[in-house]
Amino acid sequence: MTWLEVTVNGNPIRIDSVNPLLIQRWREYKTKPPDWEECNIFIKTNGSYINVGGRPSAMERIVYKAHNPKWSDHYSKHNIIIFKDGDMSDYSIENLMIKPTKGVRRY
């Protein structure tokens, strides 16, 4: 199992490179040693999210960021992640891409 590590909202996250639905976050405890903890995935009508640092983060953005660490994950109409085949339950990196902007500059 190979892990891809990334920081989301200031919190360390790691994603399994084979199964993108296996996401863990680093957790500091008061009474036991710090360790990785599995994140719960929340499914809503407009997509799937995980709670990172008290804020919901879209699954596709986290998976894309883990595979492309230099990508700036700011929200903009020119920086939208889309599913290539339209299957919103397939979070593999092969199915994710930045929406083409028809010549408009990306940030």
PDB file of N, CA and C in Angstrom:
ATOM      1  N   MET A   1       0.847  -1.169   0.000  1.00  0.00           N
ATOM      2  CA  MET A   1       0.000   0.000   0.000  1.00  0.00           C
ATOM      3  C   MET A   1       0.900   1.242   0.000  1.00  0.00           C
ATOM      4  N   THR A   2       0.700   2.113  -0.957  1.00  0.00           N
ATOM      5  CA  THR A   2       1.455   3.348  -1.058  1.00  0.00           C
ATOM      6  C   THR A   2       0.548   4.516  -0.692  1.00  0.00           C
ATOM      7  N   TRP A   3       1.032   5.380   0.180  1.00  0.00           N
ATOM      8  CA  TRP A   3       0.251   6.516   0.634  1.00  0.00           C
ATOM      9  C   TRP A   3       0.726   7.793  -0.051  1.00  0.00           C
ATOM     10  N   LEU A   4      -0.210   8.639  -0.415  1.00  0.00           N
ATOM     11  CA  LEU A   4       0.077   9.973  -0.941  1.00  0.00           C
ATOM     12  C   LEU A   4      -0.302  10.963   0.147  1.00  0.00           C
ATOM     13  N   GLU A   5       0.662  11.763   0.586  1.00  0.00           N
ATOM     14  CA  GLU A   5       0.392  12.699   1.678  1.00  0.00           C
ATOM     15  C   GLU A   5       0.253  14.120   1.163  1.00  0.00           C
ATOM     16  N   VAL A   6      -0.692  14.856   1.740  1.00  0.00           N
ATOM     17  CA  VAL A   6      -0.990  16.222   1.347  1.00  0.00           C
ATOM     18  C   VAL A   6      -1.540  16.961   2.575  1.00  0.00           C
ATOM     19  N   THR A   7      -1.428  18.271   2.574  1.00  0.00           N
ATOM     20  CA  THR A   7      -2.001  19.077   3.654  1.00  0.00           C
ATOM     21  C   THR A   7      -3.255  19.769   3.144  1.00  0.00           C
ATOM     22  N   VAL A   8      -4.360  19.586   3.870  1.00  0.00           N
ATOM     23  CA  VAL A   8      -5.649  20.187   3.510  1.00  0.00           C
ATOM     24  C   VAL A   8      -6.132  20.975   4.718  1.00  0.00           C
ATOM     25  N   ASN A   9      -6.428  22.265   4.507  1.00  0.00           N
ATOM     26  CA  ASN A   9      -6.867  23.150   5.595  1.00  0.00           C
ATOM     27  C   ASN A   9      -5.894  23.117   6.769  1.00  0.00           C
ATOM     28  N   GLY A  10      -4.606  22.962   6.494  1.00  0.00           N
ATOM     29  CA  GLY A  10      -3.592  22.946   7.539  1.00  0.00           C
ATOM     30  C   GLY A  10      -3.443  21.622   8.259  1.00  0.00           C
ATOM     31  N   ASN A  11      -4.144  20.580   7.803  1.00  0.00           N
ATOM     32  CA  ASN A  11      -4.097  19.269   8.449  1.00  0.00           C
ATOM     33  C   ASN A  11      -3.474  18.229   7.522  1.00  0.00           C
ATOM     34  N   PRO A  12      -2.553  17.402   8.037  1.00  0.00           N
ATOM     35  CA  PRO A  12      -1.972  16.344   7.211  1.00  0.00           C
ATOM     36  C   PRO A  12      -3.006  15.262   6.890  1.00  0.00           C
ATOM     37  N   ILE A  13      -3.073  14.902   5.619  1.00  0.00           N
ATOM     38  CA  ILE A  13      -3.997  13.872   5.127  1.00  0.00           C
ATOM     39  C   ILE A  13      -3.168  12.892   4.312  1.00  0.00           C
ATOM     40  N   ARG A  14      -3.535  11.624   4.331  1.00  0.00           N
ATOM     41  CA  ARG A  14      -2.915  10.667   3.423  1.00  0.00           C
ATOM     42  C   ARG A  14      -4.000   9.843   2.742  1.00  0.00           C
ATOM     43  N   ILE A  15      -3.740   9.542   1.453  1.00  0.00           N
ATOM     44  CA  ILE A  15      -4.702   8.823   0.615  1.00  0.00           C
ATOM     45  C   ILE A  15      -4.001   7.615   0.033  1.00  0.00           C
ATOM     46  N   ASP A  16      -4.682   6.488   0.030  1.00  0.00           N
ATOM     47  CA  ASP A  16      -4.143   5.288  -0.602  1.00  0.00           C
ATOM     48  C   ASP A  16      -4.103   5.514  -2.102  1.00  0.00           C
ATOM     49  N   SER A  17      -2.972   5.239  -2.736  1.00  0.00           N
ATOM     50  CA  SER A  17      -2.821   5.502  -4.167  1.00  0.00           C
ATOM     51  C   SER A  17      -3.657   4.560  -5.027  1.00  0.00           C
ATOM     52  N   VAL A  18      -4.047   3.407  -4.502  1.00  0.00           N
ATOM     53  CA  VAL A  18      -4.854   2.451  -5.270  1.00  0.00           C
ATOM     54  C   VAL A  18      -6.351   2.653  -5.010  1.00  0.00           C
ATOM     55  N   ASN A  19      -6.717   2.840  -3.748  1.00  0.00           N
ATOM     56  CA  ASN A  19      -8.122   3.018  -3.366  1.00  0.00           C
ATOM     57  C   ASN A  19      -8.321   4.445  -2.854  1.00  0.00           C
ATOM     58  N   PRO A  20      -8.792   5.371  -3.698  1.00  0.00           N
ATOM     59  CA  PRO A  20      -8.912   6.772  -3.263  1.00  0.00           C
ATOM     60  C   PRO A  20      -9.968   7.003  -2.185  1.00  0.00           C
ATOM     61  N   LEU A  21     -10.778   6.007  -1.871  1.00  0.00           N
ATOM     62  CA  LEU A  21     -11.774   6.167  -0.817  1.00  0.00           C
ATOM     63  C   LEU A  21     -11.193   5.882   0.566  1.00  0.00           C
ATOM     64  N   LEU A  22      -9.936   5.430   0.621  1.00  0.00           N
ATOM     65  CA  LEU A  22      -9.259   5.193   1.892  1.00  0.00           C
ATOM     66  C   LEU A  22      -8.427   6.428   2.225  1.00  0.00           C
ATOM     67  N   ILE A  23      -8.981   7.289   3.077  1.00  0.00           N
ATOM     68  CA  ILE A  23      -8.357   8.558   3.446  1.00  0.00           C
ATOM     69  C   ILE A  23      -8.192   8.592   4.962  1.00  0.00           C
ATOM     70  N   GLN A  24      -6.995   8.987   5.391  1.00  0.00           N
ATOM     71  CA  GLN A  24      -6.717   9.092   6.813  1.00  0.00           C
ATOM     72  C   GLN A  24      -6.162  10.471   7.126  1.00  0.00           C
ATOM     73  N   ARG A  25      -6.394  10.930   8.350  1.00  0.00           N
ATOM     74  CA  ARG A  25      -5.848  12.206   8.793  1.00  0.00           C
ATOM     75  C   ARG A  25      -5.005  11.979  10.043  1.00  0.00           C
ATOM     76  N   TRP A  26      -4.030  12.863  10.239  1.00  0.00           N
ATOM     77  CA  TRP A  26      -3.165  12.773  11.408  1.00  0.00           C
ATOM     78  C   TRP A  26      -3.907  13.339  12.610  1.00  0.00           C
ATOM     79  N   ARG A  27      -3.895  12.614  13.683  1.00  0.00           N
ATOM     80  CA  ARG A  27      -4.661  13.014  14.868  1.00  0.00           C
ATOM     81  C   ARG A  27      -3.764  13.040  16.090  1.00  0.00           C
ATOM     82  N   GLU A  28      -3.766  14.158  16.768  1.00  0.00           N
ATOM     83  CA  GLU A  28      -3.035  14.313  18.029  1.00  0.00           C
ATOM     84  C   GLU A  28      -3.997  13.984  19.173  1.00  0.00           C
ATOM     85  N   TYR A  29      -3.564  13.136  20.089  1.00  0.00           N
ATOM     86  CA  TYR A  29      -4.368  12.756  21.244  1.00  0.00           C
ATOM     87  C   TYR A  29      -3.732  13.291  22.521  1.00  0.00           C
ATOM     88  N   LYS A  30      -4.531  13.460  23.572  1.00  0.00           N
ATOM     89  CA  LYS A  30      -3.995  13.909  24.860  1.00  0.00           C
ATOM     90  C   LYS A  30      -3.526  12.749  25.715  1.00  0.00           C
ATOM     91  N   THR A  31      -4.177  11.594  25.582  1.00  0.00           N
ATOM     92  CA  THR A  31      -3.873  10.478  26.477  1.00  0.00           C
ATOM     93  C   THR A  31      -3.155   9.319  25.815  1.00  0.00           C
ATOM     94  N   LYS A  32      -2.944   9.365  24.506  1.00  0.00           N
ATOM     95  CA  LYS A  32      -2.222   8.293  23.821  1.00  0.00           C
ATOM     96  C   LYS A  32      -1.383   8.896  22.705  1.00  0.00           C
ATOM     97  N   PRO A  33      -0.466   8.137  22.147  1.00  0.00           N
ATOM     98  CA  PRO A  33       0.417   8.683  21.102  1.00  0.00           C
ATOM     99  C   PRO A  33      -0.365   9.094  19.853  1.00  0.00           C
ATOM    100  N   PRO A  34       0.113  10.114  19.130  1.00  0.00           N
ATOM    101  CA  PRO A  34      -0.561  10.528  17.891  1.00  0.00           C
ATOM    102  C   PRO A  34      -0.517   9.411  16.850  1.00  0.00           C
ATOM    103  N   ASP A  35      -1.531   9.366  15.996  1.00  0.00           N
ATOM    104  CA  ASP A  35      -1.628   8.294  15.007  1.00  0.00           C
ATOM    105  C   ASP A  35      -2.548   8.730  13.874  1.00  0.00           C
ATOM    106  N   TRP A  36      -2.550   7.957  12.801  1.00  0.00           N
ATOM    107  CA  TRP A  36      -3.451   8.201  11.670  1.00  0.00           C
ATOM    108  C   TRP A  36      -4.827   7.660  11.998  1.00  0.00           C
ATOM    109  N   GLU A  37      -5.857   8.417  11.625  1.00  0.00           N
ATOM    110  CA  GLU A  37      -7.250   8.049  11.883  1.00  0.00           C
ATOM    111  C   GLU A  37      -8.014   8.084  10.564  1.00  0.00           C
ATOM    112  N   GLU A  38      -8.834   7.080  10.330  1.00  0.00           N
ATOM    113  CA  GLU A  38      -9.607   7.032   9.087  1.00  0.00           C
ATOM    114  C   GLU A  38     -10.678   8.116   9.081  1.00  0.00           C
ATOM    115  N   CYS A  39     -10.834   8.778   7.929  1.00  0.00           N
ATOM    116  CA  CYS A  39     -11.835   9.838   7.775  1.00  0.00           C
ATOM    117  C   CYS A  39     -13.158   9.248   7.323  1.00  0.00           C
ATOM    118  N   ASN A  40     -14.242   9.800   7.850  1.00  0.00           N
ATOM    119  CA  ASN A  40     -15.575   9.408   7.403  1.00  0.00           C
ATOM    120  C   ASN A  40     -15.931  10.185   6.149  1.00  0.00           C
ATOM    121  N   ILE A  41     -16.559   9.522   5.201  1.00  0.00           N
ATOM    122  CA  ILE A  41     -16.990  10.150   3.957  1.00  0.00           C
ATOM    123  C   ILE A  41     -18.481  10.431   4.067  1.00  0.00           C
ATOM    124  N   PHE A  42     -18.860  11.692   3.833  1.00  0.00           N
ATOM    125  CA  PHE A  42     -20.259  12.099   3.882  1.00  0.00           C
ATOM    126  C   PHE A  42     -20.767  12.268   2.458  1.00  0.00           C
ATOM    127  N   ILE A  43     -21.820  11.561   2.114  1.00  0.00           N
ATOM    128  CA  ILE A  43     -22.385  11.636   0.771  1.00  0.00           C
ATOM    129  C   ILE A  43     -23.598  12.552   0.813  1.00  0.00           C
ATOM    130  N   LYS A  44     -23.551  13.593  -0.020  1.00  0.00           N
ATOM    131  CA  LYS A  44     -24.666  14.525  -0.141  1.00  0.00           C
ATOM    132  C   LYS A  44     -25.181  14.463  -1.569  1.00  0.00           C
ATOM    133  N   THR A  45     -26.223  15.197  -1.863  1.00  0.00           N
ATOM    134  CA  THR A  45     -26.813  15.154  -3.201  1.00  0.00           C
ATOM    135  C   THR A  45     -25.872  15.717  -4.260  1.00  0.00           C
ATOM    136  N   ASN A  46     -24.988  16.629  -3.877  1.00  0.00           N
ATOM    137  CA  ASN A  46     -24.098  17.242  -4.870  1.00  0.00           C
ATOM    138  C   ASN A  46     -22.668  16.721  -4.790  1.00  0.00           C
ATOM    139  N   GLY A  47     -22.430  15.586  -4.129  1.00  0.00           N
ATOM    140  CA  GLY A  47     -21.099  15.000  -4.093  1.00  0.00           C
ATOM    141  C   GLY A  47     -20.748  14.412  -2.740  1.00  0.00           C
ATOM    142  N   SER A  48     -19.493  13.958  -2.627  1.00  0.00           N
ATOM    143  CA  SER A  48     -19.001  13.355  -1.397  1.00  0.00           C
ATOM    144  C   SER A  48     -17.970  14.278  -0.763  1.00  0.00           C
ATOM    145  N   TYR A  49     -17.984  14.322   0.563  1.00  0.00           N
ATOM    146  CA  TYR A  49     -17.124  15.222   1.312  1.00  0.00           C
ATOM    147  C   TYR A  49     -16.508  14.481   2.486  1.00  0.00           C
ATOM    148  N   ILE A  50     -15.361  14.993   2.965  1.00  0.00           N
ATOM    149  CA  ILE A  50     -14.819  14.556   4.237  1.00  0.00           C
ATOM    150  C   ILE A  50     -14.626  15.802   5.090  1.00  0.00           C
ATOM    151  N   ASN A  51     -14.663  15.624   6.393  1.00  0.00           N
ATOM    152  CA  ASN A  51     -14.494  16.731   7.317  1.00  0.00           C
ATOM    153  C   ASN A  51     -13.012  16.838   7.668  1.00  0.00           C
ATOM    154  N   VAL A  52     -12.387  17.946   7.282  1.00  0.00           N
ATOM    155  CA  VAL A  52     -10.962  18.159   7.549  1.00  0.00           C
ATOM    156  C   VAL A  52     -10.815  19.481   8.291  1.00  0.00           C
ATOM    157  N   GLY A  53     -10.369  19.415   9.517  1.00  0.00           N
ATOM    158  CA  GLY A  53     -10.171  20.636  10.297  1.00  0.00           C
ATOM    159  C   GLY A  53     -11.449  21.390  10.566  1.00  0.00           C
ATOM    160  N   GLY A  54     -12.570  20.710  10.691  1.00  0.00           N
ATOM    161  CA  GLY A  54     -13.843  21.352  10.968  1.00  0.00           C
ATOM    162  C   GLY A  54     -14.563  21.878   9.742  1.00  0.00           C
ATOM    163  N   ARG A  55     -13.980  21.684   8.559  1.00  0.00           N
ATOM    164  CA  ARG A  55     -14.614  22.155   7.315  1.00  0.00           C
ATOM    165  C   ARG A  55     -14.806  20.990   6.351  1.00  0.00           C
ATOM    166  N   PRO A  56     -15.944  20.958   5.656  1.00  0.00           N
ATOM    167  CA  PRO A  56     -16.109  19.906   4.644  1.00  0.00           C
ATOM    168  C   PRO A  56     -15.248  20.205   3.417  1.00  0.00           C
ATOM    169  N   SER A  57     -14.589  19.174   2.903  1.00  0.00           N
ATOM    170  CA  SER A  57     -13.767  19.300   1.697  1.00  0.00           C
ATOM    171  C   SER A  57     -14.235  18.272   0.684  1.00  0.00           C
ATOM    172  N   ALA A  58     -14.383  18.707  -0.565  1.00  0.00           N
ATOM    173  CA  ALA A  58     -14.857  17.815  -1.623  1.00  0.00           C
ATOM    174  C   ALA A  58     -13.831  16.728  -1.897  1.00  0.00           C
ATOM    175  N   MET A  59     -14.300  15.502  -2.017  1.00  0.00           N
ATOM    176  CA  MET A  59     -13.424  14.342  -2.245  1.00  0.00           C
ATOM    177  C   MET A  59     -12.587  14.494  -3.500  1.00  0.00           C
ATOM    178  N   GLU A  60     -13.197  14.957  -4.599  1.00  0.00           N
ATOM    179  CA  GLU A  60     -12.451  15.033  -5.856  1.00  0.00           C
ATOM    180  C   GLU A  60     -11.297  16.027  -5.761  1.00  0.00           C
ATOM    181  N   ARG A  61     -11.473  17.094  -5.002  1.00  0.00           N
ATOM    182  CA  ARG A  61     -10.399  18.085  -4.842  1.00  0.00           C
ATOM    183  C   ARG A  61      -9.252  17.517  -4.017  1.00  0.00           C
ATOM    184  N   ILE A  62      -9.563  16.738  -2.995  1.00  0.00           N
ATOM    185  CA  ILE A  62      -8.527  16.146  -2.154  1.00  0.00           C
ATOM    186  C   ILE A  62      -7.755  15.087  -2.922  1.00  0.00           C
ATOM    187  N   VAL A  63      -8.455  14.242  -3.670  1.00  0.00           N
ATOM    188  CA  VAL A  63      -7.780  13.203  -4.456  1.00  0.00           C
ATOM    189  C   VAL A  63      -6.907  13.840  -5.532  1.00  0.00           C
ATOM    190  N   TYR A  64      -7.420  14.848  -6.221  1.00  0.00           N
ATOM    191  CA  TYR A  64      -6.636  15.511  -7.265  1.00  0.00           C
ATOM    192  C   TYR A  64      -5.410  16.207  -6.665  1.00  0.00           C
ATOM    193  N   LYS A  65      -5.566  16.854  -5.510  1.00  0.00           N
ATOM    194  CA  LYS A  65      -4.453  17.540  -4.843  1.00  0.00           C
ATOM    195  C   LYS A  65      -3.383  16.538  -4.394  1.00  0.00           C
ATOM    196  N   ALA A  66      -3.785  15.368  -3.921  1.00  0.00           N
ATOM    197  CA  ALA A  66      -2.822  14.360  -3.480  1.00  0.00           C
ATOM    198  C   ALA A  66      -1.962  13.865  -4.644  1.00  0.00           C
ATOM    199  N   HIS A  67      -2.565  13.740  -5.825  1.00  0.00           N
ATOM    200  CA  HIS A  67      -1.827  13.269  -7.002  1.00  0.00           C
ATOM    201  C   HIS A  67      -1.074  14.392  -7.702  1.00  0.00           C
ATOM    202  N   ASN A  68      -1.475  15.632  -7.486  1.00  0.00           N
ATOM    203  CA  ASN A  68      -0.838  16.802  -8.116  1.00  0.00           C
ATOM    204  C   ASN A  68      -0.545  17.836  -7.033  1.00  0.00           C
ATOM    205  N   PRO A  69       0.510  17.637  -6.225  1.00  0.00           N
ATOM    206  CA  PRO A  69       0.750  18.512  -5.079  1.00  0.00           C
ATOM    207  C   PRO A  69       1.021  19.971  -5.434  1.00  0.00           C
ATOM    208  N   LYS A  70       1.474  20.272  -6.641  1.00  0.00           N
ATOM    209  CA  LYS A  70       1.753  21.660  -7.016  1.00  0.00           C
ATOM    210  C   LYS A  70       0.501  22.412  -7.467  1.00  0.00           C
ATOM    211  N   TRP A  71      -0.615  21.706  -7.618  1.00  0.00           N
ATOM    212  CA  TRP A  71      -1.871  22.322  -8.043  1.00  0.00           C
ATOM    213  C   TRP A  71      -2.371  23.263  -6.951  1.00  0.00           C
ATOM    214  N   SER A  72      -2.747  24.477  -7.345  1.00  0.00           N
ATOM    215  CA  SER A  72      -3.314  25.441  -6.408  1.00  0.00           C
ATOM    216  C   SER A  72      -4.802  25.147  -6.279  1.00  0.00           C
ATOM    217  N   ASP A  73      -5.232  24.762  -5.091  1.00  0.00           N
ATOM    218  CA  ASP A  73      -6.610  24.298  -4.914  1.00  0.00           C
ATOM    219  C   ASP A  73      -7.589  25.400  -4.511  1.00  0.00           C
ATOM    220  N   HIS A  74      -7.343  26.631  -4.946  1.00  0.00           N
ATOM    221  CA  HIS A  74      -8.285  27.710  -4.654  1.00  0.00           C
ATOM    222  C   HIS A  74      -9.565  27.520  -5.481  1.00  0.00           C
ATOM    223  N   TYR A  75     -10.665  28.056  -4.989  1.00  0.00           N
ATOM    224  CA  TYR A  75     -11.934  27.933  -5.701  1.00  0.00           C
ATOM    225  C   TYR A  75     -12.077  29.059  -6.715  1.00  0.00           C
ATOM    226  N   SER A  76     -12.370  28.694  -7.937  1.00  0.00           N
ATOM    227  CA  SER A  76     -12.553  29.650  -9.021  1.00  0.00           C
ATOM    228  C   SER A  76     -13.315  28.937 -10.132  1.00  0.00           C
ATOM    229  N   LYS A  77     -13.986  29.676 -10.982  1.00  0.00           N
ATOM    230  CA  LYS A  77     -14.696  29.038 -12.094  1.00  0.00           C
ATOM    231  C   LYS A  77     -13.734  28.452 -13.117  1.00  0.00           C
ATOM    232  N   HIS A  78     -12.455  28.818 -13.043  1.00  0.00           N
ATOM    233  CA  HIS A  78     -11.448  28.276 -13.954  1.00  0.00           C
ATOM    234  C   HIS A  78     -10.644  27.161 -13.318  1.00  0.00           C
ATOM    235  N   ASN A  79     -11.017  26.730 -12.124  1.00  0.00           N
ATOM    236  CA  ASN A  79     -10.254  25.723 -11.390  1.00  0.00           C
ATOM    237  C   ASN A  79     -11.199  24.652 -10.836  1.00  0.00           C
ATOM    238  N   ILE A  80     -12.084  24.163 -11.675  1.00  0.00           N
ATOM    239  CA  ILE A  80     -13.098  23.194 -11.267  1.00  0.00           C
ATOM    240  C   ILE A  80     -12.662  21.794 -11.689  1.00  0.00           C
ATOM    241  N   ILE A  81     -12.787  20.834 -10.762  1.00  0.00           N
ATOM    242  CA  ILE A  81     -12.482  19.435 -11.055  1.00  0.00           C
ATOM    243  C   ILE A  81     -13.751  18.800 -11.624  1.00  0.00           C
ATOM    244  N   ILE A  82     -13.617  18.096 -12.744  1.00  0.00           N
ATOM    245  CA  ILE A  82     -14.754  17.382 -13.331  1.00  0.00           C
ATOM    246  C   ILE A  82     -14.399  15.909 -13.477  1.00  0.00           C
ATOM    247  N   PHE A  83     -15.435  15.092 -13.637  1.00  0.00           N
ATOM    248  CA  PHE A  83     -15.274  13.662 -13.848  1.00  0.00           C
ATOM    249  C   PHE A  83     -15.311  13.411 -15.354  1.00  0.00           C
ATOM    250  N   LYS A  84     -14.269  12.802 -15.901  1.00  0.00           N
ATOM    251  CA  LYS A  84     -14.166  12.602 -17.349  1.00  0.00           C
ATOM    252  C   LYS A  84     -15.327  11.796 -17.907  1.00  0.00           C
ATOM    253  N   ASP A  85     -15.690  10.693 -17.230  1.00  0.00           N
ATOM    254  CA  ASP A  85     -16.753   9.836 -17.763  1.00  0.00           C
ATOM    255  C   ASP A  85     -18.119  10.140 -17.158  1.00  0.00           C
ATOM    256  N   GLY A  86     -18.196  11.158 -16.292  1.00  0.00           N
ATOM    257  CA  GLY A  86     -19.473  11.552 -15.708  1.00  0.00           C
ATOM    258  C   GLY A  86     -19.885  10.730 -14.501  1.00  0.00           C
ATOM    259  N   ASP A  87     -19.118   9.694 -14.143  1.00  0.00           N
ATOM    260  CA  ASP A  87     -19.437   8.845 -12.998  1.00  0.00           C
ATOM    261  C   ASP A  87     -18.907   9.508 -11.732  1.00  0.00           C
ATOM    262  N   MET A  88     -19.800  10.119 -10.963  1.00  0.00           N
ATOM    263  CA  MET A  88     -19.391  10.868  -9.775  1.00  0.00           C
ATOM    264  C   MET A  88     -19.061   9.978  -8.588  1.00  0.00           C
ATOM    265  N   SER A  89     -19.090   8.659  -8.765  1.00  0.00           N
ATOM    266  CA  SER A  89     -18.685   7.759  -7.684  1.00  0.00           C
ATOM    267  C   SER A  89     -17.303   7.172  -7.937  1.00  0.00           C
ATOM    268  N   ASP A  90     -16.695   7.492  -9.081  1.00  0.00           N
ATOM    269  CA  ASP A  90     -15.357   7.005  -9.426  1.00  0.00           C
ATOM    270  C   ASP A  90     -14.345   8.117  -9.157  1.00  0.00           C
ATOM    271  N   TYR A  91     -13.616   8.001  -8.043  1.00  0.00           N
ATOM    272  CA  TYR A  91     -12.653   9.026  -7.645  1.00  0.00           C
ATOM    273  C   TYR A  91     -11.225   8.673  -8.042  1.00  0.00           C
ATOM    274  N   SER A  92     -11.047   7.760  -8.980  1.00  0.00           N
ATOM    275  CA  SER A  92      -9.693   7.445  -9.429  1.00  0.00           C
ATOM    276  C   SER A  92      -9.119   8.651 -10.165  1.00  0.00           C
ATOM    277  N   ILE A  93      -7.807   8.829 -10.074  1.00  0.00           N
ATOM    278  CA  ILE A  93      -7.166   9.997 -10.679  1.00  0.00           C
ATOM    279  C   ILE A  93      -7.337   9.987 -12.199  1.00  0.00           C
ATOM    280  N   GLU A  94      -7.484   8.829 -12.799  1.00  0.00           N
ATOM    281  CA  GLU A  94      -7.693   8.740 -14.242  1.00  0.00           C
ATOM    282  C   GLU A  94      -9.025   9.346 -14.657  1.00  0.00           C
ATOM    283  N   ASN A  95      -9.988   9.441 -13.725  1.00  0.00           N
ATOM    284  CA  ASN A  95     -11.315   9.964 -14.026  1.00  0.00           C
ATOM    285  C   ASN A  95     -11.466  11.446 -13.664  1.00  0.00           C
ATOM    286  N   LEU A  96     -10.439  12.058 -13.078  1.00  0.00           N
ATOM    287  CA  LEU A  96     -10.528  13.450 -12.647  1.00  0.00           C
ATOM    288  C   LEU A  96      -9.672  14.344 -13.533  1.00  0.00           C
ATOM    289  N   MET A  97     -10.191  15.530 -13.836  1.00  0.00           N
ATOM    290  CA  MET A  97      -9.418  16.505 -14.608  1.00  0.00           C
ATOM    291  C   MET A  97      -9.926  17.909 -14.313  1.00  0.00           C
ATOM    292  N   ILE A  98      -9.089  18.908 -14.622  1.00  0.00           N
ATOM    293  CA  ILE A  98      -9.501  20.304 -14.514  1.00  0.00           C
ATOM    294  C   ILE A  98     -10.377  20.618 -15.718  1.00  0.00           C
ATOM    295  N   LYS A  99     -11.485  21.295 -15.498  1.00  0.00           N
ATOM    296  CA  LYS A  99     -12.408  21.647 -16.576  1.00  0.00           C
ATOM    297  C   LYS A  99     -11.707  22.548 -17.595  1.00  0.00           C
ATOM    298  N   PRO A 100     -11.762  22.185 -18.883  1.00  0.00           N
ATOM    299  CA  PRO A 100     -11.158  23.049 -19.912  1.00  0.00           C
ATOM    300  C   PRO A 100     -11.804  24.431 -19.901  1.00  0.00           C
ATOM    301  N   THR A 101     -10.981  25.473 -20.137  1.00  0.00           N
ATOM    302  CA  THR A 101     -11.486  26.841 -20.023  1.00  0.00           C
ATOM    303  C   THR A 101     -11.546  27.576 -21.357  1.00  0.00           C
ATOM    304  N   LYS A 102     -11.320  26.910 -22.469  1.00  0.00           N
ATOM    305  CA  LYS A 102     -11.448  27.502 -23.801  1.00  0.00           C
ATOM    306  C   LYS A 102     -10.569  28.737 -23.967  1.00  0.00           C
ATOM    307  N   GLY A 103      -9.308  28.608 -23.610  1.00  0.00           N
ATOM    308  CA  GLY A 103      -8.354  29.694 -23.828  1.00  0.00           C
ATOM    309  C   GLY A 103      -8.259  30.709 -22.715  1.00  0.00           C
ATOM    310  N   VAL A 104      -9.138  30.639 -21.721  1.00  0.00           N
ATOM    311  CA  VAL A 104      -9.077  31.570 -20.605  1.00  0.00           C
ATOM    312  C   VAL A 104      -7.944  31.141 -19.687  1.00  0.00           C
ATOM    313  N   ARG A 105      -7.207  32.084 -19.196  1.00  0.00           N
ATOM    314  CA  ARG A 105      -6.049  31.788 -18.354  1.00  0.00           C
ATOM    315  C   ARG A 105      -6.459  31.135 -17.046  1.00  0.00           C
ATOM    316  N   ARG A 106      -5.736  30.070 -16.670  1.00  0.00           N
ATOM    317  CA  ARG A 106      -5.918  29.444 -15.370  1.00  0.00           C
ATOM    318  C   ARG A 106      -4.940  30.056 -14.391  1.00  0.00           C
ATOM    319  N   TYR A 107      -5.274  30.004 -13.143  1.00  0.00           N
ATOM    320  CA  TYR A 107      -4.423  30.592 -12.112  1.00  0.00           C
ATOM    321  C   TYR A 107      -3.426  29.604 -11.607  1.00  0.00           C
TER     322      TYR A 107
END
